[in-house]
Structure formats: structure tokens, C-alpha cells
N, C-alpha and C. Protein backbone atom coordinates (compact mmCIF):
# COMPACT_ATOMS: atom_id res chain seq x y z
N MET A 1 0.85 -1.16 0.00
CA MET A 1 0.00 0.00 0.00
C MET A 1 0.91 1.23 0.00
N ASN A 2 0.48 2.20 -0.76
CA ASN A 2 1.27 3.42 -0.90
C ASN A 2 0.35 4.62 -0.70
N VAL A 3 0.79 5.55 0.15
CA VAL A 3 0.02 6.77 0.39
C VAL A 3 0.91 7.94 0.03
N ASN A 4 0.39 8.79 -0.82
CA ASN A 4 1.14 9.98 -1.23
C ASN A 4 0.37 11.23 -0.83
N PHE A 5 1.12 12.22 -0.40
CA PHE A 5 0.53 13.51 -0.09
C PHE A 5 1.23 14.55 -0.92
N ASN A 6 0.46 15.36 -1.54
CA ASN A 6 0.99 16.51 -2.25
C ASN A 6 0.29 17.74 -1.70
N THR A 7 1.08 18.63 -1.16
CA THR A 7 0.48 19.84 -0.60
C THR A 7 1.24 21.05 -1.08
N THR A 8 0.52 22.14 -1.06
CA THR A 8 1.16 23.41 -1.36
C THR A 8 0.64 24.42 -0.34
N VAL A 9 1.48 25.35 -0.03
CA VAL A 9 1.10 26.42 0.88
C VAL A 9 1.29 27.72 0.14
N GLU A 10 0.23 28.49 0.09
CA GLU A 10 0.32 29.79 -0.53
C GLU A 10 -0.02 30.83 0.53
N THR A 11 0.77 31.85 0.56
CA THR A 11 0.51 32.91 1.52
C THR A 11 0.93 34.24 0.95
N ASP A 12 0.31 35.24 1.46
CA ASP A 12 0.68 36.59 1.11
C ASP A 12 1.60 37.08 2.23
N VAL A 13 2.86 37.27 1.92
CA VAL A 13 3.84 37.65 2.94
C VAL A 13 3.46 38.98 3.59
N ASP A 14 2.93 39.90 2.82
CA ASP A 14 2.53 41.18 3.40
C ASP A 14 1.41 40.99 4.42
N GLU A 15 0.48 40.08 4.12
CA GLU A 15 -0.61 39.81 5.05
C GLU A 15 -0.07 39.18 6.34
N LEU A 16 0.89 38.27 6.19
CA LEU A 16 1.50 37.65 7.36
C LEU A 16 2.28 38.69 8.18
N ASP A 17 3.00 39.56 7.51
CA ASP A 17 3.72 40.63 8.21
C ASP A 17 2.75 41.52 8.99
N ALA A 18 1.61 41.82 8.41
CA ALA A 18 0.61 42.66 9.09
C ALA A 18 0.05 41.94 10.31
N ALA A 19 -0.19 40.64 10.19
CA ALA A 19 -0.71 39.86 11.32
C ALA A 19 0.31 39.83 12.45
N ILE A 20 1.56 39.64 12.10
CA ILE A 20 2.62 39.64 13.11
C ILE A 20 2.72 41.00 13.78
N ALA A 21 2.60 42.07 13.02
CA ALA A 21 2.65 43.42 13.58
C ALA A 21 1.49 43.65 14.55
N ARG A 22 0.31 43.12 14.20
CA ARG A 22 -0.84 43.26 15.11
C ARG A 22 -0.56 42.55 16.43
N LEU A 23 0.05 41.38 16.36
CA LEU A 23 0.38 40.65 17.59
C LEU A 23 1.47 41.36 18.38
N GLU A 24 2.46 41.90 17.68
CA GLU A 24 3.54 42.60 18.38
C GLU A 24 3.03 43.82 19.14
N ALA A 25 1.95 44.41 18.65
CA ALA A 25 1.36 45.57 19.34
C ALA A 25 0.79 45.17 20.71
N LEU A 26 0.52 43.89 20.90
CA LEU A 26 0.01 43.39 22.18
C LEU A 26 1.15 43.11 23.17
N ASP A 27 2.35 43.01 22.68
CA ASP A 27 3.49 42.65 23.53
C ASP A 27 3.63 43.61 24.71
N GLY A 28 3.68 43.06 25.90
CA GLY A 28 3.86 43.86 27.10
C GLY A 28 2.59 44.47 27.66
N LYS A 29 1.47 44.29 27.00
CA LYS A 29 0.20 44.84 27.49
C LYS A 29 -0.34 43.97 28.63
N SER A 30 -0.96 44.61 29.59
CA SER A 30 -1.62 43.88 30.66
C SER A 30 -2.74 44.75 31.22
N THR A 31 -3.61 44.11 31.95
CA THR A 31 -4.71 44.83 32.59
C THR A 31 -4.88 44.31 34.00
N GLU A 32 -5.43 45.13 34.84
CA GLU A 32 -5.73 44.73 36.20
C GLU A 32 -7.09 45.28 36.58
N ALA A 33 -7.76 44.56 37.45
CA ALA A 33 -9.07 44.99 37.92
C ALA A 33 -9.04 45.05 39.43
N GLY A 34 -9.80 45.97 39.97
CA GLY A 34 -9.88 46.12 41.42
C GLY A 34 -10.33 47.50 41.79
N LEU A 35 -9.84 47.98 42.90
CA LEU A 35 -10.16 49.32 43.40
C LEU A 35 -8.84 50.05 43.54
N PHE A 36 -8.73 51.19 42.95
CA PHE A 36 -7.46 51.90 42.85
C PHE A 36 -7.56 53.26 43.51
N GLY A 37 -7.11 53.34 44.75
CA GLY A 37 -7.09 54.61 45.46
C GLY A 37 -8.40 54.98 46.11
N GLY A 38 -8.31 55.90 47.03
CA GLY A 38 -9.49 56.41 47.71
C GLY A 38 -9.93 55.52 48.86
N PHE A 39 -10.96 55.98 49.54
CA PHE A 39 -11.45 55.26 50.71
C PHE A 39 -12.05 53.91 50.34
N ALA A 40 -12.69 53.81 49.17
CA ALA A 40 -13.27 52.53 48.75
C ALA A 40 -12.19 51.47 48.62
N ALA A 41 -11.00 51.86 48.16
CA ALA A 41 -9.90 50.90 48.05
C ALA A 41 -9.43 50.44 49.43
N LYS A 42 -9.43 51.34 50.40
CA LYS A 42 -9.07 50.96 51.77
C LYS A 42 -10.10 49.97 52.33
N LYS A 43 -11.38 50.27 52.12
CA LYS A 43 -12.42 49.36 52.60
C LYS A 43 -12.28 47.99 51.94
N ALA A 44 -11.95 47.99 50.66
CA ALA A 44 -11.77 46.72 49.94
C ALA A 44 -10.63 45.92 50.56
N MET A 45 -9.54 46.58 50.92
CA MET A 45 -8.41 45.88 51.53
C MET A 45 -8.82 45.30 52.88
N TRP A 46 -9.57 46.06 53.67
CA TRP A 46 -10.02 45.56 54.97
C TRP A 46 -10.92 44.34 54.78
N GLN A 47 -11.78 44.39 53.78
CA GLN A 47 -12.68 43.26 53.53
C GLN A 47 -11.92 42.06 52.97
N GLU A 48 -11.02 42.31 52.06
CA GLU A 48 -10.27 41.23 51.42
C GLU A 48 -9.45 40.42 52.44
N TYR A 49 -8.78 41.12 53.35
CA TYR A 49 -7.86 40.46 54.26
C TYR A 49 -8.34 40.41 55.71
N GLY A 50 -9.39 41.12 56.04
CA GLY A 50 -9.85 41.19 57.42
C GLY A 50 -9.01 42.18 58.21
N THR A 51 -9.45 42.45 59.42
CA THR A 51 -8.73 43.39 60.28
C THR A 51 -8.62 42.83 61.69
N SER A 52 -7.72 43.41 62.47
CA SER A 52 -7.60 43.03 63.87
C SER A 52 -8.75 43.59 64.70
N ARG A 53 -9.58 44.41 64.10
CA ARG A 53 -10.72 45.00 64.80
C ARG A 53 -12.01 44.21 64.61
N GLY A 54 -11.88 43.00 64.14
CA GLY A 54 -13.05 42.11 64.08
C GLY A 54 -13.70 41.93 62.72
N ILE A 55 -13.19 42.55 61.68
CA ILE A 55 -13.76 42.30 60.34
C ILE A 55 -13.09 41.03 59.81
N PRO A 56 -13.88 39.98 59.54
CA PRO A 56 -13.28 38.76 59.00
C PRO A 56 -12.90 38.95 57.53
N ALA A 57 -11.96 38.17 57.08
CA ALA A 57 -11.57 38.23 55.66
C ALA A 57 -12.74 37.78 54.80
N ARG A 58 -13.01 38.58 53.77
CA ARG A 58 -14.00 38.25 52.75
C ARG A 58 -13.31 38.45 51.41
N PRO A 59 -12.54 37.45 50.98
CA PRO A 59 -11.63 37.61 49.84
C PRO A 59 -12.32 37.59 48.48
N PHE A 60 -12.99 38.66 48.16
CA PHE A 60 -13.73 38.72 46.89
C PHE A 60 -12.80 38.84 45.69
N LEU A 61 -11.66 39.51 45.83
CA LEU A 61 -10.73 39.64 44.71
C LEU A 61 -9.99 38.32 44.47
N ARG A 62 -9.45 37.74 45.53
CA ARG A 62 -8.74 36.47 45.36
C ARG A 62 -9.67 35.37 44.89
N ASN A 63 -10.88 35.31 45.44
CA ASN A 63 -11.82 34.29 45.00
C ASN A 63 -12.15 34.44 43.52
N THR A 64 -12.29 35.67 43.07
CA THR A 64 -12.56 35.91 41.65
C THR A 64 -11.40 35.40 40.80
N MET A 65 -10.19 35.71 41.21
CA MET A 65 -9.03 35.27 40.45
C MET A 65 -8.96 33.74 40.39
N TYR A 66 -9.15 33.08 41.54
CA TYR A 66 -9.08 31.62 41.57
C TYR A 66 -10.17 31.00 40.71
N GLU A 67 -11.35 31.57 40.76
CA GLU A 67 -12.48 30.99 40.04
C GLU A 67 -12.46 31.30 38.54
N SER A 68 -11.92 32.44 38.16
CA SER A 68 -12.09 32.92 36.79
C SER A 68 -10.84 32.89 35.91
N SER A 69 -9.68 32.61 36.47
CA SER A 69 -8.45 32.75 35.68
C SER A 69 -8.42 31.85 34.45
N THR A 70 -8.95 30.64 34.55
CA THR A 70 -8.97 29.76 33.37
C THR A 70 -9.87 30.33 32.29
N LYS A 71 -11.02 30.85 32.69
CA LYS A 71 -11.95 31.47 31.73
C LYS A 71 -11.29 32.67 31.06
N TRP A 72 -10.58 33.49 31.85
CA TRP A 72 -9.91 34.65 31.28
C TRP A 72 -8.84 34.23 30.28
N SER A 73 -8.09 33.20 30.60
CA SER A 73 -7.04 32.71 29.69
C SER A 73 -7.64 32.26 28.36
N ARG A 74 -8.73 31.53 28.46
CA ARG A 74 -9.40 31.04 27.24
C ARG A 74 -9.91 32.22 26.40
N SER A 75 -10.50 33.20 27.06
CA SER A 75 -11.03 34.37 26.37
C SER A 75 -9.92 35.16 25.68
N VAL A 76 -8.81 35.36 26.39
CA VAL A 76 -7.69 36.08 25.81
C VAL A 76 -7.12 35.31 24.62
N SER A 77 -7.03 34.01 24.73
CA SER A 77 -6.52 33.20 23.61
C SER A 77 -7.38 33.39 22.37
N GLU A 78 -8.68 33.37 22.56
CA GLU A 78 -9.59 33.58 21.43
C GLU A 78 -9.44 34.98 20.85
N ASP A 79 -9.31 35.97 21.72
CA ASP A 79 -9.17 37.35 21.25
C ASP A 79 -7.83 37.56 20.53
N VAL A 80 -6.77 36.95 21.02
CA VAL A 80 -5.47 37.09 20.36
C VAL A 80 -5.54 36.47 18.96
N MET A 81 -6.21 35.36 18.84
CA MET A 81 -6.37 34.75 17.50
C MET A 81 -7.16 35.68 16.59
N ALA A 82 -8.18 36.34 17.14
CA ALA A 82 -8.96 37.29 16.34
C ALA A 82 -8.11 38.48 15.93
N VAL A 83 -7.20 38.92 16.78
CA VAL A 83 -6.27 40.00 16.41
C VAL A 83 -5.37 39.52 15.29
N PHE A 84 -4.83 38.33 15.43
CA PHE A 84 -3.96 37.77 14.39
C PHE A 84 -4.68 37.73 13.05
N GLU A 85 -5.93 37.32 13.06
CA GLU A 85 -6.71 37.20 11.83
C GLU A 85 -7.22 38.55 11.32
N GLY A 86 -7.05 39.61 12.11
CA GLY A 86 -7.49 40.93 11.69
C GLY A 86 -8.94 41.23 11.98
N ASP A 87 -9.58 40.40 12.80
CA ASP A 87 -10.99 40.58 13.12
C ASP A 87 -11.24 41.41 14.37
N LEU A 88 -10.17 41.75 15.10
CA LEU A 88 -10.30 42.48 16.34
C LEU A 88 -9.08 43.39 16.50
N PRO A 89 -9.28 44.65 16.84
CA PRO A 89 -8.12 45.52 17.07
C PRO A 89 -7.41 45.10 18.36
N GLY A 90 -6.10 45.27 18.38
CA GLY A 90 -5.30 44.84 19.52
C GLY A 90 -5.73 45.43 20.84
N GLY A 91 -6.07 46.70 20.86
CA GLY A 91 -6.48 47.34 22.11
C GLY A 91 -7.74 46.74 22.71
N ALA A 92 -8.53 46.08 21.89
CA ALA A 92 -9.78 45.49 22.37
C ALA A 92 -9.52 44.30 23.29
N VAL A 93 -8.38 43.63 23.13
CA VAL A 93 -8.07 42.47 23.97
C VAL A 93 -8.00 42.89 25.43
N VAL A 94 -7.22 43.92 25.69
CA VAL A 94 -7.05 44.40 27.06
C VAL A 94 -8.35 44.97 27.59
N GLN A 95 -9.05 45.72 26.78
CA GLN A 95 -10.32 46.33 27.19
C GLN A 95 -11.35 45.26 27.53
N ARG A 96 -11.51 44.28 26.67
CA ARG A 96 -12.50 43.22 26.89
C ARG A 96 -12.17 42.40 28.13
N LEU A 97 -10.88 42.09 28.30
CA LEU A 97 -10.48 41.32 29.48
C LEU A 97 -10.77 42.12 30.75
N GLY A 98 -10.41 43.39 30.76
CA GLY A 98 -10.68 44.23 31.94
C GLY A 98 -12.15 44.30 32.28
N GLU A 99 -12.99 44.47 31.27
CA GLU A 99 -14.44 44.53 31.50
C GLU A 99 -14.95 43.22 32.07
N GLN A 100 -14.43 42.09 31.56
CA GLN A 100 -14.86 40.79 32.07
C GLN A 100 -14.40 40.59 33.51
N MET A 101 -13.20 41.05 33.83
CA MET A 101 -12.70 40.93 35.19
C MET A 101 -13.59 41.70 36.16
N VAL A 102 -13.98 42.90 35.80
CA VAL A 102 -14.86 43.70 36.66
C VAL A 102 -16.20 42.98 36.86
N LYS A 103 -16.77 42.46 35.79
CA LYS A 103 -18.04 41.73 35.90
C LYS A 103 -17.90 40.54 36.83
N ASP A 104 -16.78 39.83 36.71
CA ASP A 104 -16.58 38.64 37.54
C ASP A 104 -16.39 39.00 39.01
N VAL A 105 -15.68 40.08 39.31
CA VAL A 105 -15.53 40.52 40.70
C VAL A 105 -16.91 40.85 41.27
N ARG A 106 -17.70 41.56 40.52
CA ARG A 106 -19.04 41.93 41.01
C ARG A 106 -19.93 40.70 41.16
N ARG A 107 -19.76 39.73 40.28
CA ARG A 107 -20.55 38.49 40.38
C ARG A 107 -20.22 37.74 41.67
N ILE A 108 -18.95 37.71 42.02
CA ILE A 108 -18.53 37.05 43.26
C ILE A 108 -19.12 37.78 44.47
N ILE A 109 -19.09 39.11 44.45
CA ILE A 109 -19.68 39.88 45.55
C ILE A 109 -21.18 39.60 45.62
N ASP A 110 -21.86 39.62 44.48
CA ASP A 110 -23.30 39.38 44.45
C ASP A 110 -23.67 38.00 44.99
N ALA A 111 -22.80 37.01 44.77
CA ALA A 111 -23.08 35.67 45.26
C ALA A 111 -23.11 35.63 46.78
N GLY A 112 -22.32 36.49 47.42
CA GLY A 112 -22.39 36.65 48.87
C GLY A 112 -21.91 35.48 49.70
N ASN A 113 -21.05 34.63 49.16
CA ASN A 113 -20.57 33.46 49.90
C ASN A 113 -19.38 33.83 50.79
N PHE A 114 -19.64 34.61 51.81
CA PHE A 114 -18.60 35.11 52.69
C PHE A 114 -19.02 34.92 54.14
N ALA A 115 -18.08 35.21 55.04
CA ALA A 115 -18.39 35.18 56.46
C ALA A 115 -19.59 36.09 56.71
N PRO A 116 -20.54 35.62 57.50
CA PRO A 116 -21.73 36.45 57.74
C PRO A 116 -21.40 37.71 58.54
N LEU A 117 -22.24 38.70 58.37
CA LEU A 117 -22.09 39.95 59.12
C LEU A 117 -22.50 39.73 60.57
N SER A 118 -21.94 40.53 61.43
CA SER A 118 -22.34 40.47 62.84
C SER A 118 -23.76 41.02 62.97
N SER A 119 -24.43 40.64 64.04
CA SER A 119 -25.80 41.13 64.26
C SER A 119 -25.82 42.65 64.42
N THR A 120 -24.76 43.21 64.98
CA THR A 120 -24.66 44.67 65.11
C THR A 120 -24.60 45.33 63.74
N THR A 121 -23.82 44.76 62.85
CA THR A 121 -23.69 45.32 61.50
C THR A 121 -25.01 45.18 60.74
N VAL A 122 -25.66 44.04 60.87
CA VAL A 122 -26.95 43.83 60.20
C VAL A 122 -27.96 44.86 60.70
N ALA A 123 -28.00 45.09 62.00
CA ALA A 123 -28.94 46.07 62.57
C ALA A 123 -28.63 47.48 62.07
N ARG A 124 -27.33 47.82 61.97
CA ARG A 124 -26.94 49.16 61.54
C ARG A 124 -27.30 49.41 60.08
N LYS A 125 -26.99 48.44 59.23
CA LYS A 125 -27.22 48.68 57.79
C LYS A 125 -28.55 48.17 57.28
N GLY A 126 -29.22 47.33 58.06
CA GLY A 126 -30.54 46.85 57.65
C GLY A 126 -30.50 45.76 56.61
N SER A 127 -29.35 45.11 56.46
CA SER A 127 -29.21 44.04 55.48
C SER A 127 -28.15 43.07 55.98
N SER A 128 -28.28 41.82 55.59
CA SER A 128 -27.28 40.83 55.97
C SER A 128 -26.32 40.51 54.83
N ARG A 129 -26.36 41.29 53.78
CA ARG A 129 -25.50 41.06 52.61
C ARG A 129 -24.09 41.57 52.86
N PRO A 130 -23.09 40.68 52.89
CA PRO A 130 -21.71 41.14 53.05
C PRO A 130 -21.24 41.91 51.82
N LEU A 131 -20.37 42.85 52.05
CA LEU A 131 -19.67 43.63 51.02
C LEU A 131 -20.52 44.65 50.29
N ILE A 132 -21.80 44.75 50.64
CA ILE A 132 -22.64 45.75 49.99
C ILE A 132 -23.31 46.56 51.11
N ASP A 133 -22.97 47.82 51.16
CA ASP A 133 -23.58 48.70 52.15
C ASP A 133 -24.10 49.92 51.40
N THR A 134 -23.24 50.89 51.18
CA THR A 134 -23.65 52.09 50.44
C THR A 134 -23.53 51.90 48.93
N GLY A 135 -22.76 50.91 48.52
CA GLY A 135 -22.55 50.66 47.10
C GLY A 135 -21.34 51.37 46.53
N ASP A 136 -20.66 52.20 47.33
CA ASP A 136 -19.52 52.94 46.79
C ASP A 136 -18.34 52.03 46.47
N MET A 137 -18.09 51.03 47.30
CA MET A 137 -16.99 50.11 47.01
C MET A 137 -17.31 49.31 45.73
N TYR A 138 -18.50 48.79 45.66
CA TYR A 138 -18.95 48.00 44.51
C TYR A 138 -18.84 48.82 43.22
N ALA A 139 -19.29 50.07 43.29
CA ALA A 139 -19.26 50.94 42.11
C ALA A 139 -17.84 51.36 41.74
N SER A 140 -16.93 51.29 42.69
CA SER A 140 -15.55 51.71 42.44
C SER A 140 -14.69 50.62 41.80
N ILE A 141 -15.23 49.43 41.64
CA ILE A 141 -14.47 48.36 40.99
C ILE A 141 -14.32 48.73 39.52
N THR A 142 -13.10 48.75 39.07
CA THR A 142 -12.82 49.15 37.69
C THR A 142 -11.60 48.39 37.20
N HIS A 143 -11.20 48.68 35.99
CA HIS A 143 -9.99 48.08 35.43
C HIS A 143 -9.15 49.16 34.79
N ARG A 144 -7.89 48.85 34.63
CA ARG A 144 -6.98 49.78 33.96
C ARG A 144 -5.86 48.99 33.31
N GLU A 145 -5.31 49.58 32.28
CA GLU A 145 -4.17 48.95 31.65
C GLU A 145 -2.97 49.13 32.56
N ALA A 146 -2.28 48.06 32.80
CA ALA A 146 -1.14 48.11 33.74
C ALA A 146 0.18 48.19 32.99
């Protein structure tokens, strides 16, 4: 038995050069999500790690990272391929990832799977939902290119 393969590869070198240039524009880009500065960022740190004054750790940022990092990697891989193919501008990769990270952080907070609030805190704020009081910390979650 004999099996023969005959193949040819045709490519436009200029098109390949353009695709490579689009990918090179992504080199060194990164994004981060969280709370950056201000009192809301301080409150987030107290909630994330807890305090010696009785606030238990409610790690909404770390939990988001642990739960979502595989999904983010898959999404970025798809977006990078779209950049290579010319279907997505390079800047959109970082923007889309940042937006997804913010959504995922808020989703983890909304799920509310954290140490319960003390009865004093529940009485003061009128709710037993951890991490949501005035909404300023929640609204301050954003992303930025790093």
C-alpha cells in the first residue's frame, strides 16, 4: 500500500507581516481589575484580608481570580487569535479582558458566599449582605491597563 501527499502552501507575505505586527502591538500589554485609590480601596483591603478590629476576611478579589483565571485565559486566547486574523483591534483584547474581570468581581460579591455579618452590622445597615452597604466600594471596581 502506498500513500502519497501533495500539498502546497500559498501565503501573502505582506498579510503575514501585518498579522505579526498586530500581535507585536500586544506585547507587554496587561490589565488589572480592582479598586485603585481612595477610601473605597481601603475598605476593599479591609474586607479582602480582614482586620484586627473584628472584620473577618471576605476575599472577593482572590476568590474571583481563583475561580475565573482559566476562563480569562481562554477568552484572551480567542481574542489574540482574532487579532492575528485581523478581526479584532489589539487594544480590544485588554479592554475586553478588563471589563470581564470587573463583571466577575461583582458576580462574586453578588453571590455573597462570605463570612456572615455580625448582628450589630446587620442592625446598623438593615441588610445581611456582606460587602454591599452604600454601594460605593462595589461601584468603584474598575480596570486599567497596567
